Amino acid sequence: MDHLEVADNQTAKNLKAQSSAYVPPLQLTDGQPPPIAANGGLSYMSFDRDGDAGTARALEDALAEIATGEGQRVIEMLDAAPPGPIETKWGVGFRKYEDCLDYIRASNMEAPEGGIVVPMSYTVHERPTYSVVRSNAIWSDPAQQDKADMLRKAEEYNRRYNLFFPQVMRDARRIGEYYPGLSPNSAACMDRLGLSLAHCDSKCQNFYDSAEVERVFYPEIEKLLLEFFPGATDALVYNHDVFNKDYEGDRSEDQDARTRGSPPTRTACTTT
């Protein structure tokens, strides 16, 4: 069963169960390979159980992924690799940013006009990964201590899977040069490349104020999306991270206080 069949089947189950959770539709970029995310990229909202937004299913999948031992084998491979560049199927990767930068300079890598060549961090473990927010009950439940320990170790591995690779970053404003006839400011660009450019003159004065972001910026983004995608009938901003640039205390997530860490602000949204 492919990821589209999974999505169709799960949607049918949700309709039958009349789940109250909002389920973003599964959308894939034309011409791109299927995602490595769990369930083919289907939102965990599709697996809502009594309003948990799919959290229980996500934890089950996370523990099942840990049980395969694949992550442990990747870490052992990286630890056993000799100092210097590590050969991968994507080319040479480096443990340190500085080492990758030295390689770029020594190789005389060049970028097109408006672009740069820079070390970028990418995972070498193409499997779904999970990060459980600190407010989840599993972290403070003595009966689930063993599961919490496994999840904590897996999250540590998530960071260790990454190597730095030399990458050419191109100017998105020049997309029309790289793809003749394709405007970077069009919905067609999003469909083809998974990105597009849009301009917003926001009236939001303080992006570190969660309430103001929600009150002012949300409607602006929803209006922008509806105008940008002519076929859309609805737009929803469903998530954002608001950071405090001066905060020096505990950076663990607090959903009620909406503490998220450090700048800048990011907003997630969808259209239908």
C-alpha atoms as a PDB file:
ATOM      1  CA  MET A   1       0.000   0.000   0.000  1.00  0.00           C
ATOM      2  CA  ASP A   2       1.540   3.366  -1.023  1.00  0.00           C
ATOM      3  CA  HIS A   3       1.336   6.627   0.918  1.00  0.00           C
ATOM      4  CA  LEU A   4      -1.654   7.886  -1.120  1.00  0.00           C
ATOM      5  CA  GLU A   5      -3.644   4.768  -0.294  1.00  0.00           C
ATOM      6  CA  VAL A   6      -2.704   5.165   3.360  1.00  0.00           C
ATOM      7  CA  ALA A   7      -3.993   8.749   3.256  1.00  0.00           C
ATOM      8  CA  ASP A   8      -7.275   7.776   1.568  1.00  0.00           C
ATOM      9  CA  ASN A   9      -7.913   4.911   3.982  1.00  0.00           C
ATOM     10  CA  GLN A  10      -7.115   6.982   7.050  1.00  0.00           C
ATOM     11  CA  THR A  11      -9.301   9.867   5.869  1.00  0.00           C
ATOM     12  CA  ALA A  12     -12.201   7.468   5.467  1.00  0.00           C
ATOM     13  CA  LYS A  13     -11.658   6.159   9.003  1.00  0.00           C
ATOM     14  CA  ASN A  14     -11.633   9.699  10.389  1.00  0.00           C
ATOM     15  CA  LEU A  15     -14.895  10.560   8.683  1.00  0.00           C
ATOM     16  CA  LYS A  16     -16.457   7.442  10.133  1.00  0.00           C
ATOM     17  CA  ALA A  17     -15.154   8.210  13.614  1.00  0.00           C
ATOM     18  CA  GLN A  18     -16.153  11.908  13.254  1.00  0.00           C
ATOM     19  CA  SER A  19     -12.879  13.079  14.797  1.00  0.00           C
ATOM     20  CA  SER A  20     -12.928  16.706  15.973  1.00  0.00           C
ATOM     21  CA  ALA A  21      -9.246  17.235  15.086  1.00  0.00           C
ATOM     22  CA  TYR A  22      -8.398  19.367  12.066  1.00  0.00           C
ATOM     23  CA  VAL A  23      -6.576  17.171   9.578  1.00  0.00           C
ATOM     24  CA  PRO A  24      -4.431  18.987   6.975  1.00  0.00           C
ATOM     25  CA  PRO A  25      -4.786  17.275   3.592  1.00  0.00           C
ATOM     26  CA  LEU A  26      -1.821  15.322   2.275  1.00  0.00           C
ATOM     27  CA  GLN A  27      -0.171  17.408  -0.429  1.00  0.00           C
ATOM     28  CA  LEU A  28       2.876  16.311  -2.433  1.00  0.00           C
ATOM     29  CA  THR A  29       5.026  18.384  -4.772  1.00  0.00           C
ATOM     30  CA  ASP A  30       4.718  17.227  -8.374  1.00  0.00           C
ATOM     31  CA  GLY A  31       7.744  15.357  -9.671  1.00  0.00           C
ATOM     32  CA  GLN A  32       9.404  14.963  -6.277  1.00  0.00           C
ATOM     33  CA  PRO A  33      10.153  11.616  -4.562  1.00  0.00           C
ATOM     34  CA  PRO A  34       7.864  10.505  -1.738  1.00  0.00           C
ATOM     35  CA  PRO A  35       8.828  11.836   1.709  1.00  0.00           C
ATOM     36  CA  ILE A  36      10.738   9.729   4.206  1.00  0.00           C
ATOM     37  CA  ALA A  37       8.310  10.826   6.924  1.00  0.00           C
ATOM     38  CA  ALA A  38       6.174   8.237   8.700  1.00  0.00           C
ATOM     39  CA  ASN A  39       2.921   7.268   6.997  1.00  0.00           C
ATOM     40  CA  GLY A  40       4.074   8.818   3.726  1.00  0.00           C
ATOM     41  CA  GLY A  41       3.903  12.319   5.186  1.00  0.00           C
ATOM     42  CA  LEU A  42       0.301  12.050   6.379  1.00  0.00           C
ATOM     43  CA  SER A  43      -0.371  14.350   9.334  1.00  0.00           C
ATOM     44  CA  TYR A  44      -0.531  12.649  12.705  1.00  0.00           C
ATOM     45  CA  MET A  45      -3.767  14.574  13.191  1.00  0.00           C
ATOM     46  CA  SER A  46      -5.226  11.800  11.037  1.00  0.00           C
ATOM     47  CA  PHE A  47      -4.636   9.389  13.923  1.00  0.00           C
ATOM     48  CA  ASP A  48      -6.395  11.476  16.559  1.00  0.00           C
ATOM     49  CA  ARG A  49      -7.598   9.540  19.602  1.00  0.00           C
ATOM     50  CA  ASP A  50     -10.035  11.382  21.837  1.00  0.00           C
ATOM     51  CA  GLY A  51      -8.483  14.748  21.040  1.00  0.00           C
ATOM     52  CA  ASP A  52      -4.807  13.803  21.454  1.00  0.00           C
ATOM     53  CA  ALA A  53      -3.990  15.055  17.912  1.00  0.00           C
ATOM     54  CA  GLY A  54      -2.305  11.752  17.076  1.00  0.00           C
ATOM     55  CA  THR A  55       0.247  11.931  19.899  1.00  0.00           C
ATOM     56  CA  ALA A  56      -0.340   8.352  21.067  1.00  0.00           C
ATOM     57  CA  ARG A  57       0.151   6.989  17.548  1.00  0.00           C
ATOM     58  CA  ALA A  58       3.279   9.118  17.076  1.00  0.00           C
ATOM     59  CA  LEU A  59       4.800   7.739  20.287  1.00  0.00           C
ATOM     60  CA  GLU A  60       4.020   4.193  19.147  1.00  0.00           C
ATOM     61  CA  ASP A  61       5.744   4.860  15.819  1.00  0.00           C
ATOM     62  CA  ALA A  62       8.730   6.463  17.548  1.00  0.00           C
ATOM     63  CA  LEU A  63       9.260   3.464  19.819  1.00  0.00           C
ATOM     64  CA  ALA A  64       8.797   1.057  16.892  1.00  0.00           C
ATOM     65  CA  GLU A  65      11.465   2.961  14.923  1.00  0.00           C
ATOM     66  CA  ILE A  66      13.865   2.779  17.877  1.00  0.00           C
ATOM     67  CA  ALA A  67      13.269  -0.971  18.153  1.00  0.00           C
ATOM     68  CA  THR A  68      14.575  -1.577  14.617  1.00  0.00           C
ATOM     69  CA  GLY A  69      18.093  -0.650  15.773  1.00  0.00           C
ATOM     70  CA  GLU A  70      18.820   1.169  12.490  1.00  0.00           C
ATOM     71  CA  GLY A  71      19.624   4.417  14.248  1.00  0.00           C
ATOM     72  CA  GLN A  72      22.141   2.718  16.513  1.00  0.00           C
ATOM     73  CA  ARG A  73      23.873   1.160  13.499  1.00  0.00           C
ATOM     74  CA  VAL A  74      24.207   4.548  11.784  1.00  0.00           C
ATOM     75  CA  ILE A  75      25.740   6.086  14.904  1.00  0.00           C
ATOM     76  CA  GLU A  76      28.216   3.213  15.158  1.00  0.00           C
ATOM     77  CA  MET A  77      29.165   3.702  11.499  1.00  0.00           C
ATOM     78  CA  LEU A  78      29.810   7.423  12.009  1.00  0.00           C
ATOM     79  CA  ASP A  79      31.780   6.811  15.206  1.00  0.00           C
ATOM     80  CA  ALA A  80      33.957   4.220  13.467  1.00  0.00           C
ATOM     81  CA  ALA A  81      34.739   6.450  10.481  1.00  0.00           C
ATOM     82  CA  PRO A  82      38.313   7.835  10.431  1.00  0.00           C
ATOM     83  CA  PRO A  83      38.955  11.576  10.923  1.00  0.00           C
ATOM     84  CA  GLY A  84      38.305  13.809   7.936  1.00  0.00           C
ATOM     85  CA  PRO A  85      35.690  13.550   5.196  1.00  0.00           C
ATOM     86  CA  ILE A  86      33.160  10.726   5.336  1.00  0.00           C
ATOM     87  CA  GLU A  87      32.078   9.190   2.040  1.00  0.00           C
ATOM     88  CA  THR A  88      28.313   8.965   1.639  1.00  0.00           C
ATOM     89  CA  LYS A  89      25.986   8.351  -1.298  1.00  0.00           C
ATOM     90  CA  TRP A  90      25.443  12.140  -1.422  1.00  0.00           C
ATOM     91  CA  GLY A  91      29.177  12.910  -1.595  1.00  0.00           C
ATOM     92  CA  VAL A  92      31.652  13.763   1.137  1.00  0.00           C
ATOM     93  CA  GLY A  93      30.328  14.924   4.498  1.00  0.00           C
ATOM     94  CA  PHE A  94      32.136  16.438   7.454  1.00  0.00           C
ATOM     95  CA  ARG A  95      31.602  16.276  11.199  1.00  0.00           C
ATOM     96  CA  LYS A  96      32.575  19.924  11.651  1.00  0.00           C
ATOM     97  CA  TYR A  97      31.448  23.079   9.863  1.00  0.00           C
ATOM     98  CA  GLU A  98      35.015  24.387   9.718  1.00  0.00           C
ATOM     99  CA  ASP A  99      36.298  21.218   8.017  1.00  0.00           C
ATOM    100  CA  CYS A 100      33.604  21.466   5.354  1.00  0.00           C
ATOM    101  CA  LEU A 101      34.419  25.138   4.812  1.00  0.00           C
ATOM    102  CA  ASP A 102      38.101  24.298   4.363  1.00  0.00           C
ATOM    103  CA  TYR A 103      37.111  21.698   1.755  1.00  0.00           C
ATOM    104  CA  ILE A 104      35.018  24.269  -0.128  1.00  0.00           C
ATOM    105  CA  ARG A 105      37.912  26.704  -0.234  1.00  0.00           C
ATOM    106  CA  ALA A 106      40.456  24.068  -1.230  1.00  0.00           C
ATOM    107  CA  SER A 107      38.169  22.797  -4.006  1.00  0.00           C
ATOM    108  CA  ASN A 108      37.594  26.313  -5.397  1.00  0.00           C
ATOM    109  CA  MET A 109      33.854  25.667  -5.563  1.00  0.00           C
ATOM    110  CA  GLU A 110      32.025  28.499  -7.309  1.00  0.00           C
ATOM    111  CA  ALA A 111      28.456  29.733  -7.057  1.00  0.00           C
ATOM    112  CA  PRO A 112      26.324  31.385  -9.745  1.00  0.00           C
ATOM    113  CA  GLU A 113      25.646  35.120  -9.553  1.00  0.00           C
ATOM    114  CA  GLY A 114      23.647  35.925  -6.438  1.00  0.00           C
ATOM    115  CA  GLY A 115      24.463  32.581  -4.820  1.00  0.00           C
ATOM    116  CA  ILE A 116      26.919  31.243  -2.284  1.00  0.00           C
ATOM    117  CA  VAL A 117      28.674  27.970  -1.489  1.00  0.00           C
ATOM    118  CA  VAL A 118      28.227  27.079   2.165  1.00  0.00           C
ATOM    119  CA  PRO A 119      28.363  24.063   4.508  1.00  0.00           C
ATOM    120  CA  MET A 120      24.863  22.756   5.195  1.00  0.00           C
ATOM    121  CA  SER A 121      23.880  20.204   7.817  1.00  0.00           C
ATOM    122  CA  TYR A 122      21.910  17.179   6.598  1.00  0.00           C
ATOM    123  CA  THR A 123      21.004  13.846   8.122  1.00  0.00           C
ATOM    124  CA  VAL A 124      22.610  10.699   6.733  1.00  0.00           C
ATOM    125  CA  HIS A 125      19.869   8.547   8.255  1.00  0.00           C
ATOM    126  CA  GLU A 126      16.850   8.626   5.949  1.00  0.00           C
ATOM    127  CA  ARG A 127      14.279   7.474   8.438  1.00  0.00           C
ATOM    128  CA  PRO A 128      11.474   9.289  10.304  1.00  0.00           C
ATOM    129  CA  THR A 129      12.689  10.994  13.477  1.00  0.00           C
ATOM    130  CA  TYR A 130      10.696  12.165  16.473  1.00  0.00           C
ATOM    131  CA  SER A 131      11.028  14.908  19.087  1.00  0.00           C
ATOM    132  CA  VAL A 132       8.694  14.783  22.075  1.00  0.00           C
ATOM    133  CA  VAL A 133       7.870  18.148  23.679  1.00  0.00           C
ATOM    134  CA  ARG A 134       8.951  18.519  27.309  1.00  0.00           C
ATOM    135  CA  SER A 135       5.358  19.073  28.412  1.00  0.00           C
ATOM    136  CA  ASN A 136       4.399  15.529  27.380  1.00  0.00           C
ATOM    137  CA  ALA A 137       3.397  13.387  30.353  1.00  0.00           C
ATOM    138  CA  ILE A 138       5.784  10.610  29.355  1.00  0.00           C
ATOM    139  CA  TRP A 139       8.751  12.581  30.731  1.00  0.00           C
ATOM    140  CA  SER A 140       7.333  12.723  34.270  1.00  0.00           C
ATOM    141  CA  ASP A 141       5.515   9.379  34.454  1.00  0.00           C
ATOM    142  CA  PRO A 142       7.559   6.872  36.552  1.00  0.00           C
ATOM    143  CA  ALA A 143       5.681   3.993  34.918  1.00  0.00           C
ATOM    144  CA  GLN A 144       7.045   5.033  31.508  1.00  0.00           C
ATOM    145  CA  GLN A 145      10.611   5.799  32.563  1.00  0.00           C
ATOM    146  CA  ASP A 146      12.056   3.109  30.290  1.00  0.00           C
ATOM    147  CA  LYS A 147      10.254   4.563  27.265  1.00  0.00           C
ATOM    148  CA  ALA A 148      11.349   8.088  28.202  1.00  0.00           C
ATOM    149  CA  ASP A 149      14.970   6.933  28.388  1.00  0.00           C
ATOM    150  CA  MET A 150      14.758   5.402  24.907  1.00  0.00           C
ATOM    151  CA  LEU A 151      13.156   8.535  23.467  1.00  0.00           C
ATOM    152  CA  ARG A 152      15.768  10.764  25.101  1.00  0.00           C
ATOM    153  CA  LYS A 153      18.576   8.691  23.604  1.00  0.00           C
ATOM    154  CA  ALA A 154      16.886   8.724  20.186  1.00  0.00           C
ATOM    155  CA  GLU A 155      16.603  12.526  20.279  1.00  0.00           C
ATOM    156  CA  GLU A 156      20.321  12.733  21.041  1.00  0.00           C
ATOM    157  CA  TYR A 157      20.952  10.525  18.010  1.00  0.00           C
ATOM    158  CA  ASN A 158      18.837  12.854  15.833  1.00  0.00           C
ATOM    159  CA  ARG A 159      21.510  15.512  16.214  1.00  0.00           C
ATOM    160  CA  ARG A 160      24.378  13.100  15.699  1.00  0.00           C
ATOM    161  CA  TYR A 161      23.029  11.818  12.356  1.00  0.00           C
ATOM    162  CA  ASN A 162      23.940  15.127  10.721  1.00  0.00           C
ATOM    163  CA  LEU A 163      27.043  15.859   8.686  1.00  0.00           C
ATOM    164  CA  PHE A 164      28.036  19.080   6.908  1.00  0.00           C
ATOM    165  CA  PHE A 165      27.941  18.950   3.119  1.00  0.00           C
ATOM    166  CA  PRO A 166      29.163  21.620   0.663  1.00  0.00           C
ATOM    167  CA  GLN A 167      26.091  23.082  -1.002  1.00  0.00           C
ATOM    168  CA  VAL A 168      25.481  25.698  -3.676  1.00  0.00           C
ATOM    169  CA  MET A 169      22.736  28.079  -2.522  1.00  0.00           C
ATOM    170  CA  ARG A 170      21.060  29.932  -5.396  1.00  0.00           C
ATOM    171  CA  ASP A 171      19.123  33.187  -5.309  1.00  0.00           C
ATOM    172  CA  ALA A 172      15.413  32.309  -5.336  1.00  0.00           C
ATOM    173  CA  ARG A 173      14.674  35.626  -7.056  1.00  0.00           C
ATOM    174  CA  ARG A 174      16.483  34.204 -10.100  1.00  0.00           C
ATOM    175  CA  ILE A 175      14.319  31.095 -10.375  1.00  0.00           C
ATOM    176  CA  GLY A 176      13.073  32.390 -13.729  1.00  0.00           C
ATOM    177  CA  GLU A 177      16.655  32.158 -15.027  1.00  0.00           C
ATOM    178  CA  TYR A 178      17.114  28.577 -13.833  1.00  0.00           C
ATOM    179  CA  TYR A 179      13.628  27.500 -14.963  1.00  0.00           C
ATOM    180  CA  PRO A 180      12.652  29.645 -17.973  1.00  0.00           C
ATOM    181  CA  GLY A 181       8.995  30.601 -17.906  1.00  0.00           C
ATOM    182  CA  LEU A 182       8.545  29.859 -14.202  1.00  0.00           C
ATOM    183  CA  SER A 183       7.947  32.894 -11.992  1.00  0.00           C
ATOM    184  CA  PRO A 184       9.223  32.639  -8.395  1.00  0.00           C
ATOM    185  CA  ASN A 185       6.165  34.671  -7.352  1.00  0.00           C
ATOM    186  CA  SER A 186       3.618  32.153  -8.603  1.00  0.00           C
ATOM    187  CA  ALA A 187       1.559  29.273  -7.291  1.00  0.00           C
ATOM    188  CA  ALA A 188       2.978  27.221 -10.166  1.00  0.00           C
ATOM    189  CA  CYS A 189       6.445  27.633  -8.642  1.00  0.00           C
ATOM    190  CA  MET A 190       5.180  26.160  -5.377  1.00  0.00           C
ATOM    191  CA  ASP A 191       3.659  23.211  -7.230  1.00  0.00           C
ATOM    192  CA  ARG A 192       6.834  22.496  -9.176  1.00  0.00           C
ATOM    193  CA  LEU A 193       9.634  23.321  -6.712  1.00  0.00           C
ATOM    194  CA  GLY A 194       7.944  23.273  -3.316  1.00  0.00           C
ATOM    195  CA  LEU A 195       8.674  26.962  -2.732  1.00  0.00           C
ATOM    196  CA  SER A 196       7.679  30.382  -3.991  1.00  0.00           C
ATOM    197  CA  LEU A 197       8.149  34.007  -2.984  1.00  0.00           C
ATOM    198  CA  ALA A 198       5.485  36.371  -1.664  1.00  0.00           C
ATOM    199  CA  HIS A 199       5.649  39.846  -0.145  1.00  0.00           C
ATOM    200  CA  CYS A 200       3.873  40.923   3.021  1.00  0.00           C
ATOM    201  CA  ASP A 201       3.997  44.394   4.583  1.00  0.00           C
ATOM    202  CA  SER A 202       2.918  43.368   8.049  1.00  0.00           C
ATOM    203  CA  LYS A 203       1.393  45.760  10.549  1.00  0.00           C
ATOM    204  CA  CYS A 204       2.635  43.543  13.383  1.00  0.00           C
ATOM    205  CA  GLN A 205       4.922  45.708  15.519  1.00  0.00           C
ATOM    206  CA  ASN A 206       6.327  43.091  17.884  1.00  0.00           C
ATOM    207  CA  PHE A 207       6.970  39.608  16.554  1.00  0.00           C
ATOM    208  CA  TYR A 208       8.097  38.537  20.030  1.00  0.00           C
ATOM    209  CA  ASP A 209       4.545  39.108  21.328  1.00  0.00           C
ATOM    210  CA  SER A 210       2.591  35.890  20.793  1.00  0.00           C
ATOM    211  CA  ALA A 211      -0.797  37.565  21.210  1.00  0.00           C
ATOM    212  CA  GLU A 212       0.002  40.301  18.690  1.00  0.00           C
ATOM    213  CA  VAL A 213       1.346  37.772  16.178  1.00  0.00           C
ATOM    214  CA  GLU A 214      -1.881  35.796  16.438  1.00  0.00           C
ATOM    215  CA  ARG A 215      -4.107  38.888  16.345  1.00  0.00           C
ATOM    216  CA  VAL A 216      -2.344  40.770  13.536  1.00  0.00           C
ATOM    217  CA  PHE A 217      -0.049  38.466  11.577  1.00  0.00           C
ATOM    218  CA  TYR A 218      -2.376  35.460  11.308  1.00  0.00           C
ATOM    219  CA  PRO A 219      -5.089  37.330   9.312  1.00  0.00           C
ATOM    220  CA  GLU A 220      -2.424  38.939   7.117  1.00  0.00           C
ATOM    221  CA  ILE A 221      -0.938  35.568   6.187  1.00  0.00           C
ATOM    222  CA  GLU A 222      -4.360  34.029   5.596  1.00  0.00           C
ATOM    223  CA  LYS A 223      -5.267  36.929   3.266  1.00  0.00           C
ATOM    224  CA  LEU A 224      -1.919  36.590   1.459  1.00  0.00           C
ATOM    225  CA  LEU A 225      -2.424  32.875   0.915  1.00  0.00           C
ATOM    226  CA  LEU A 226      -5.962  33.257  -0.430  1.00  0.00           C
ATOM    227  CA  GLU A 227      -4.761  35.869  -2.910  1.00  0.00           C
ATOM    228  CA  PHE A 228      -1.655  33.882  -3.850  1.00  0.00           C
ATOM    229  CA  PHE A 229      -3.534  30.640  -4.540  1.00  0.00           C
ATOM    230  CA  PRO A 230      -6.588  31.622  -6.618  1.00  0.00           C
ATOM    231  CA  GLY A 231      -8.181  28.189  -6.285  1.00  0.00           C
ATOM    232  CA  ALA A 232      -8.076  28.194  -2.495  1.00  0.00           C
ATOM    233  CA  THR A 233     -11.343  28.652  -0.598  1.00  0.00           C
ATOM    234  CA  ASP A 234      -9.930  28.715   2.917  1.00  0.00           C
ATOM    235  CA  ALA A 235      -6.630  29.421   4.655  1.00  0.00           C
ATOM    236  CA  LEU A 236      -5.614  28.473   8.175  1.00  0.00           C
ATOM    237  CA  VAL A 237      -2.596  29.454  10.259  1.00  0.00           C
ATOM    238  CA  TYR A 238      -2.343  26.495  12.611  1.00  0.00           C
ATOM    239  CA  ASN A 239       1.002  26.856  14.362  1.00  0.00           C
ATOM    240  CA  HIS A 240       3.762  29.312  15.108  1.00  0.00           C
ATOM    241  CA  ASP A 241       6.879  29.668  17.230  1.00  0.00           C
ATOM    242  CA  VAL A 242       7.287  32.967  19.038  1.00  0.00           C
ATOM    243  CA  PHE A 243      10.689  33.561  20.606  1.00  0.00           C
ATOM    244  CA  ASN A 244      12.064  35.918  23.201  1.00  0.00           C
ATOM    245  CA  LYS A 245      15.365  37.414  22.039  1.00  0.00           C
ATOM    246  CA  ASP A 246      16.339  38.414  25.602  1.00  0.00           C
ATOM    247  CA  TYR A 247      15.323  35.186  27.340  1.00  0.00           C
ATOM    248  CA  GLU A 248      18.125  33.496  29.298  1.00  0.00           C
ATOM    249  CA  GLY A 249      16.202  30.937  31.372  1.00  0.00           C
ATOM    250  CA  ASP A 250      14.932  27.416  30.705  1.00  0.00           C
ATOM    251  CA  ARG A 251      14.339  26.927  26.975  1.00  0.00           C
ATOM    252  CA  SER A 252      12.061  23.895  27.384  1.00  0.00           C
ATOM    253  CA  GLU A 253       8.714  24.268  25.688  1.00  0.00           C
ATOM    254  CA  ASP A 254       5.794  25.471  27.807  1.00  0.00           C
ATOM    255  CA  GLN A 255       2.642  25.240  25.703  1.00  0.00           C
ATOM    256  CA  ASP A 256       0.546  27.385  28.047  1.00  0.00           C
ATOM    257  CA  ALA A 257       3.133  30.172  28.258  1.00  0.00           C
ATOM    258  CA  ARG A 258       4.119  29.616  24.618  1.00  0.00           C
ATOM    259  CA  THR A 259       7.821  29.673  25.319  1.00  0.00           C
ATOM    260  CA  ARG A 260       9.778  28.335  22.341  1.00  0.00           C
ATOM    261  CA  GLY A 261      13.425  29.296  22.672  1.00  0.00           C
ATOM    262  CA  SER A 262      15.271  31.942  20.673  1.00  0.00           C
ATOM    263  CA  PRO A 263      14.527  34.132  17.594  1.00  0.00           C
ATOM    264  CA  PRO A 264      13.173  34.382  14.974  1.00  0.00           C
ATOM    265  CA  THR A 265       9.411  33.860  14.502  1.00  0.00           C
ATOM    266  CA  ARG A 266       8.158  31.086  12.232  1.00  0.00           C
ATOM    267  CA  THR A 267       4.570  30.498  11.138  1.00  0.00           C
ATOM    268  CA  ALA A 268       3.031  27.330   9.709  1.00  0.00           C
ATOM    269  CA  CYS A 269      -0.139  27.420   7.647  1.00  0.00           C
ATOM    270  CA  THR A 270      -2.129  25.585   4.993  1.00  0.00           C
ATOM    271  CA  THR A 271      -4.736  26.250   2.319  1.00  0.00           C
ATOM    272  CA  THR A 272      -7.674  24.307   0.933  1.00  0.00           C
END
